[in-house]
PDB file of N, CA and C in Angstrom:
ATOM      1  N   UNK A   1     273.583 100.319  67.431  1.00  0.00           N
ATOM      2  CA  UNK A   1     273.992 101.111  68.750  1.00  0.00           C
ATOM      3  C   UNK A   1     275.326 101.061  68.726  1.00  0.00           C
ATOM      4  N   UNK A   2     276.279 100.295  68.026  1.00  0.00           N
ATOM      5  CA  UNK A   2     277.593 100.495  68.261  1.00  0.00           C
ATOM      6  C   UNK A   2     277.989 101.906  67.653  1.00  0.00           C
ATOM      7  N   UNK A   3     277.291 102.664  66.629  1.00  0.00           N
ATOM      8  CA  UNK A   3     277.763 103.751  66.048  1.00  0.00           C
ATOM      9  C   UNK A   3     277.054 104.956  66.717  1.00  0.00           C
ATOM     10  N   UNK A   4     276.352 104.683  67.810  1.00  0.00           N
ATOM     11  CA  UNK A   4     275.533 105.723  68.564  1.00  0.00           C
ATOM     12  C   UNK A   4     276.479 106.300  69.798  1.00  0.00           C
ATOM     13  N   UNK A   5     276.866 107.567  69.817  1.00  0.00           N
ATOM     14  CA  UNK A   5     277.450 108.043  70.902  1.00  0.00           C
ATOM     15  C   UNK A   5     276.502 107.951  72.163  1.00  0.00           C
ATOM     16  N   UNK A   6     277.201 107.956  73.467  1.00  0.00           N
ATOM     17  CA  UNK A   6     276.553 107.877  74.633  1.00  0.00           C
ATOM     18  C   UNK A   6     275.443 109.131  74.758  1.00  0.00           C
ATOM     19  N   UNK A   7     275.629 109.998  74.123  1.00  0.00           N
ATOM     20  CA  UNK A   7     274.662 111.181  74.224  1.00  0.00           C
ATOM     21  C   UNK A   7     273.882 111.198  72.968  1.00  0.00           C
ATOM     22  N   UNK A   8     273.868 110.360  71.949  1.00  0.00           N
ATOM     23  CA  UNK A   8     273.243 110.465  70.907  1.00  0.00           C
ATOM     24  C   UNK A   8     271.729 110.292  71.040  1.00  0.00           C
ATOM     25  N   UNK A   9     270.931 110.503  70.011  1.00  0.00           N
ATOM     26  CA  UNK A   9     269.379 110.460  70.036  1.00  0.00           C
ATOM     27  C   UNK A   9     268.983 109.784  68.690  1.00  0.00           C
ATOM     28  N   UNK A  10     268.106 108.775  68.643  1.00  0.00           N
ATOM     29  CA  UNK A  10     267.386 108.289  67.479  1.00  0.00           C
ATOM     30  C   UNK A  10     266.009 108.815  67.533  1.00  0.00           C
ATOM     31  N   UNK A  11     265.470 109.364  66.364  1.00  0.00           N
ATOM     32  CA  UNK A  11     264.163 109.770  66.403  1.00  0.00           C
ATOM     33  C   UNK A  11     263.487 108.912  65.172  1.00  0.00           C
ATOM     34  N   UNK A  12     262.283 108.403  65.561  1.00  0.00           N
ATOM     35  CA  UNK A  12     261.673 107.454  64.693  1.00  0.00           C
ATOM     36  C   UNK A  12     260.212 108.020  64.527  1.00  0.00           C
ATOM     37  N   UNK A  13     259.865 108.349  63.232  1.00  0.00           N
ATOM     38  CA  UNK A  13     258.600 109.018  63.056  1.00  0.00           C
ATOM     39  C   UNK A  13     257.617 107.980  62.593  1.00  0.00           C
ATOM     40  N   UNK A  14     256.400 108.375  62.927  1.00  0.00           N
ATOM     41  CA  UNK A  14     255.171 107.668  62.521  1.00  0.00           C
ATOM     42  C   UNK A  14     255.087 106.281  63.233  1.00  0.00           C
ATOM     43  N   UNK A  15     255.349 106.146  64.432  1.00  0.00           N
ATOM     44  CA  UNK A  15     255.402 104.891  65.229  1.00  0.00           C
ATOM     45  C   UNK A  15     253.910 104.413  65.554  1.00  0.00           C
ATOM     46  N   UNK A  16     252.886 105.309  65.550  1.00  0.00           N
ATOM     47  CA  UNK A  16     251.597 105.128  66.020  1.00  0.00           C
ATOM     48  C   UNK A  16     250.725 104.723  64.651  1.00  0.00           C
ATOM     49  N   UNK A  17     251.291 105.047  63.565  1.00  0.00           N
ATOM     50  CA  UNK A  17     250.811 104.561  62.058  1.00  0.00           C
ATOM     51  C   UNK A  17     249.256 104.790  62.199  1.00  0.00           C
ATOM     52  N   UNK A  18     248.644 105.876  62.472  1.00  0.00           N
ATOM     53  CA  UNK A  18     247.280 106.129  62.535  1.00  0.00           C
ATOM     54  C   UNK A  18     246.468 105.412  63.204  1.00  0.00           C
ATOM     55  N   UNK A  19     247.292 104.699  64.423  1.00  0.00           N
ATOM     56  CA  UNK A  19     246.514 103.848  65.146  1.00  0.00           C
ATOM     57  C   UNK A  19     246.566 102.231  64.961  1.00  0.00           C
ATOM     58  N   UNK A  20     246.899 102.046  63.593  1.00  0.00           N
ATOM     59  CA  UNK A  20     247.076 100.864  62.927  1.00  0.00           C
ATOM     60  C   UNK A  20     247.978  99.787  63.794  1.00  0.00           C
ATOM     61  N   UNK A  21     248.940 100.458  64.528  1.00  0.00           N
ATOM     62  CA  UNK A  21     249.841  99.628  65.263  1.00  0.00           C
ATOM     63  C   UNK A  21     249.161  98.705  66.372  1.00  0.00           C
ATOM     64  N   UNK A  22     247.842  99.084  66.707  1.00  0.00           N
ATOM     65  CA  UNK A  22     247.219  98.348  67.624  1.00  0.00           C
ATOM     66  C   UNK A  22     246.416  97.116  67.160  1.00  0.00           C
ATOM     67  N   UNK A  23     246.322  97.147  65.664  1.00  0.00           N
ATOM     68  CA  UNK A  23     245.708  95.758  65.271  1.00  0.00           C
ATOM     69  C   UNK A  23     246.248  94.580  65.363  1.00  0.00           C
ATOM     70  N   UNK A  24     245.575  93.546  65.453  1.00  0.00           N
ATOM     71  CA  UNK A  24     246.354  92.106  65.774  1.00  0.00           C
ATOM     72  C   UNK A  24     245.256  91.162  65.000  1.00  0.00           C
ATOM     73  N   UNK A  25     245.629  90.440  63.994  1.00  0.00           N
ATOM     74  CA  UNK A  25     246.925  90.707  63.400  1.00  0.00           C
ATOM     75  C   UNK A  25     247.014  91.903  62.518  1.00  0.00           C
ATOM     76  N   UNK A  26     248.339  92.462  62.299  1.00  0.00           N
ATOM     77  CA  UNK A  26     248.462  93.666  61.493  1.00  0.00           C
ATOM     78  C   UNK A  26     247.789  93.574  60.108  1.00  0.00           C
ATOM     79  N   UNK A  27     247.460  94.661  59.527  1.00  0.00           N
ATOM     80  CA  UNK A  27     246.705  94.785  58.477  1.00  0.00           C
ATOM     81  C   UNK A  27     247.540  94.721  57.270  1.00  0.00           C
ATOM     82  N   UNK A  28     248.867  94.920  57.325  1.00  0.00           N
ATOM     83  CA  UNK A  28     249.781  94.658  56.103  1.00  0.00           C
ATOM     84  C   UNK A  28     251.245  94.618  56.660  1.00  0.00           C
ATOM     85  N   UNK A  29     252.157  94.442  55.659  1.00  0.00           N
ATOM     86  CA  UNK A  29     253.684  94.386  56.053  1.00  0.00           C
ATOM     87  C   UNK A  29     254.443  95.463  56.725  1.00  0.00           C
ATOM     88  N   UNK A  30     253.868  96.676  56.209  1.00  0.00           N
ATOM     89  CA  UNK A  30     254.429  98.049  56.835  1.00  0.00           C
ATOM     90  C   UNK A  30     254.063  98.095  58.370  1.00  0.00           C
ATOM     91  N   UNK A  31     252.663  97.797  58.741  1.00  0.00           N
ATOM     92  CA  UNK A  31     252.080  97.834  59.844  1.00  0.00           C
ATOM     93  C   UNK A  31     253.093  96.729  60.685  1.00  0.00           C
ATOM     94  N   UNK A  32     253.222  95.509  60.381  1.00  0.00           N
ATOM     95  CA  UNK A  32     253.840  94.726  61.095  1.00  0.00           C
ATOM     96  C   UNK A  32     255.435  95.048  61.439  1.00  0.00           C
ATOM     97  N   UNK A  33     255.939  95.730  60.401  1.00  0.00           N
ATOM     98  CA  UNK A  33     257.262  96.143  60.531  1.00  0.00           C
ATOM     99  C   UNK A  33     257.337  97.285  61.784  1.00  0.00           C
ATOM    100  N   UNK A  34     256.361  97.939  61.702  1.00  0.00           N
ATOM    101  CA  UNK A  34     256.244  99.142  62.692  1.00  0.00           C
ATOM    102  C   UNK A  34     256.206  98.566  64.207  1.00  0.00           C
ATOM    103  N   UNK A  35     255.287  97.456  64.116  1.00  0.00           N
ATOM    104  CA  UNK A  35     254.789  96.645  65.605  1.00  0.00           C
ATOM    105  C   UNK A  35     256.256  96.020  66.001  1.00  0.00           C
ATOM    106  N   UNK A  36     256.921  95.399  65.026  1.00  0.00           N
ATOM    107  CA  UNK A  36     258.219  94.738  65.415  1.00  0.00           C
ATOM    108  C   UNK A  36     259.102  95.692  65.905  1.00  0.00           C
ATOM    109  N   UNK A  37     259.353  96.865  65.245  1.00  0.00           N
ATOM    110  CA  UNK A  37     260.320  97.943  65.743  1.00  0.00           C
ATOM    111  C   UNK A  37     259.972  98.314  67.003  1.00  0.00           C
ATOM    112  N   UNK A  38     258.672  98.668  67.253  1.00  0.00           N
ATOM    113  CA  UNK A  38     258.054  99.187  68.495  1.00  0.00           C
ATOM    114  C   UNK A  38     258.529  98.172  69.810  1.00  0.00           C
ATOM    115  N   UNK A  39     258.335  96.998  69.687  1.00  0.00           N
ATOM    116  CA  UNK A  39     258.497  95.704  70.523  1.00  0.00           C
ATOM    117  C   UNK A  39     260.182  95.678  70.602  1.00  0.00           C
ATOM    118  N   UNK A  40     260.751  95.723  69.684  1.00  0.00           N
ATOM    119  CA  UNK A  40     262.202  95.519  69.794  1.00  0.00           C
ATOM    120  C   UNK A  40     262.902  96.695  70.711  1.00  0.00           C
ATOM    121  N   UNK A  41     262.524  97.997  70.393  1.00  0.00           N
ATOM    122  CA  UNK A  41     262.942  98.940  71.246  1.00  0.00           C
ATOM    123  C   UNK A  41     262.559  98.777  72.700  1.00  0.00           C
ATOM    124  N   UNK A  42     261.296  98.392  72.977  1.00  0.00           N
ATOM    125  CA  UNK A  42     260.647  98.339  74.316  1.00  0.00           C
ATOM    126  C   UNK A  42     261.517  97.361  75.068  1.00  0.00           C
ATOM    127  N   UNK A  43     261.979  96.260  74.403  1.00  0.00           N
ATOM    128  CA  UNK A  43     262.660  95.162  74.990  1.00  0.00           C
ATOM    129  C   UNK A  43     264.128  95.307  75.009  1.00  0.00           C
ATOM    130  N   UNK A  44     264.641  96.324  74.477  1.00  0.00           N
ATOM    131  CA  UNK A  44     266.122  96.558  74.495  1.00  0.00           C
ATOM    132  C   UNK A  44     266.568  97.328  75.779  1.00  0.00           C
ATOM    133  N   UNK A  45     267.168  96.635  76.728  1.00  0.00           N
ATOM    134  CA  UNK A  45     267.296  97.089  77.978  1.00  0.00           C
ATOM    135  C   UNK A  45     268.651  98.216  78.016  1.00  0.00           C
ATOM    136  N   UNK A  46     269.193  98.314  76.621  1.00  0.00           N
ATOM    137  CA  UNK A  46     270.345  99.390  76.650  1.00  0.00           C
ATOM    138  C   UNK A  46     270.061 100.575  76.185  1.00  0.00           C
ATOM    139  N   UNK A  47     268.411 100.891  76.106  1.00  0.00           N
ATOM    140  CA  UNK A  47     268.124 102.233  75.691  1.00  0.00           C
ATOM    141  C   UNK A  47     266.712 102.597  76.456  1.00  0.00           C
ATOM    142  N   UNK A  48     266.640 103.893  76.428  1.00  0.00           N
ATOM    143  CA  UNK A  48     265.449 104.484  76.983  1.00  0.00           C
ATOM    144  C   UNK A  48     264.726 104.966  75.857  1.00  0.00           C
ATOM    145  N   UNK A  49     263.338 104.873  75.763  1.00  0.00           N
ATOM    146  CA  UNK A  49     262.593 105.207  74.678  1.00  0.00           C
ATOM    147  C   UNK A  49     261.355 106.048  75.347  1.00  0.00           C
ATOM    148  N   UNK A  50     260.928 107.002  74.632  1.00  0.00           N
ATOM    149  CA  UNK A  50     259.776 107.935  75.066  1.00  0.00           C
ATOM    150  C   UNK A  50     259.038 108.119  73.922  1.00  0.00           C
ATOM    151  N   UNK A  51     257.764 107.963  73.884  1.00  0.00           N
ATOM    152  CA  UNK A  51     256.996 108.253  72.865  1.00  0.00           C
ATOM    153  C   UNK A  51     256.214 109.772  72.674  1.00  0.00           C
ATOM    154  N   UNK A  52     256.541 110.372  71.923  1.00  0.00           N
ATOM    155  CA  UNK A  52     256.037 111.598  71.716  1.00  0.00           C
ATOM    156  C   UNK A  52     254.680 111.592  71.067  1.00  0.00           C
ATOM    157  N   UNK A  53     253.467 111.835  71.460  1.00  0.00           N
ATOM    158  CA  UNK A  53     252.327 111.570  70.950  1.00  0.00           C
ATOM    159  C   UNK A  53     251.797 112.866  70.049  1.00  0.00           C
ATOM    160  N   UNK A  54     252.850 113.295  69.212  1.00  0.00           N
ATOM    161  CA  UNK A  54     252.698 114.438  68.294  1.00  0.00           C
ATOM    162  C   UNK A  54     252.253 113.808  66.923  1.00  0.00           C
ATOM    163  N   UNK A  55     251.054 114.208  66.445  1.00  0.00           N
ATOM    164  CA  UNK A  55     250.486 113.702  65.214  1.00  0.00           C
ATOM    165  C   UNK A  55     250.566 112.130  65.238  1.00  0.00           C
ATOM    166  N   UNK A  56     251.451 111.633  64.426  1.00  0.00           N
ATOM    167  CA  UNK A  56     251.345 110.153  64.180  1.00  0.00           C
ATOM    168  C   UNK A  56     252.455 109.431  65.026  1.00  0.00           C
ATOM    169  N   UNK A  57     253.098 110.158  66.086  1.00  0.00           N
ATOM    170  CA  UNK A  57     253.930 109.388  67.016  1.00  0.00           C
ATOM    171  C   UNK A  57     255.499 109.621  66.687  1.00  0.00           C
ATOM    172  N   UNK A  58     256.243 109.983  67.414  1.00  0.00           N
ATOM    173  CA  UNK A  58     257.607 110.139  67.328  1.00  0.00           C
ATOM    174  C   UNK A  58     258.243 109.252  68.497  1.00  0.00           C
ATOM    175  N   UNK A  59     259.121 108.307  68.199  1.00  0.00           N
ATOM    176  CA  UNK A  59     259.902 107.583  69.247  1.00  0.00           C
ATOM    177  C   UNK A  59     261.108 108.296  69.475  1.00  0.00           C
ATOM    178  N   UNK A  60     261.399 108.781  70.476  1.00  0.00           N
ATOM    179  CA  UNK A  60     262.844 109.428  70.966  1.00  0.00           C
ATOM    180  C   UNK A  60     263.529 108.199  71.704  1.00  0.00           C
ATOM    181  N   UNK A  61     264.432 107.899  71.116  1.00  0.00           N
ATOM    182  CA  UNK A  61     265.384 106.768  71.794  1.00  0.00           C
ATOM    183  C   UNK A  61     266.806 107.280  72.067  1.00  0.00           C
ATOM    184  N   UNK A  62     267.228 106.992  73.308  1.00  0.00           N
ATOM    185  CA  UNK A  62     268.609 107.406  73.728  1.00  0.00           C
ATOM    186  C   UNK A  62     269.403 106.242  74.407  1.00  0.00           C
ATOM    187  N   UNK A  63     270.552 106.058  74.507  1.00  0.00           N
ATOM    188  CA  UNK A  63     271.129 104.974  75.161  1.00  0.00           C
ATOM    189  C   UNK A  63     271.102 105.286  76.653  1.00  0.00           C
ATOM    190  N   UNK A  64     270.902 104.160  77.477  1.00  0.00           N
ATOM    191  CA  UNK A  64     271.070 104.264  78.921  1.00  0.00           C
ATOM    192  C   UNK A  64     272.549 104.742  79.242  1.00  0.00           C
ATOM    193  N   UNK A  65     272.629 105.727  80.214  1.00  0.00           N
ATOM    194  CA  UNK A  65     273.839 106.112  80.491  1.00  0.00           C
ATOM    195  C   UNK A  65     274.732 105.239  81.295  1.00  0.00           C
ATOM    196  N   UNK A  66     275.911 104.802  81.121  1.00  0.00           N
ATOM    197  CA  UNK A  66     276.699 103.810  81.915  1.00  0.00           C
ATOM    198  C   UNK A  66     277.279 104.634  83.116  1.00  0.00           C
ATOM    199  N   UNK A  67     277.452 104.083  84.172  1.00  0.00           N
ATOM    200  CA  UNK A  67     277.979 104.912  85.275  1.00  0.00           C
ATOM    201  C   UNK A  67     279.278 104.189  85.721  1.00  0.00           C
TER     202      UNK A  67
END
């Protein structure tokens, strides 16, 4: 986050992982890593995240603007 400008954007591809991100427990380490990433972004108060449900999911992350 320290390297991202106030108007920067982070795009993360494959965040739906063919629906496997909904499995509990995760089926493998890669699925677990994507689940962890999704939880981490959702819990981060410094960012706004939007999930674009295009194909296997694209997470669009932007810093919240400070006023």
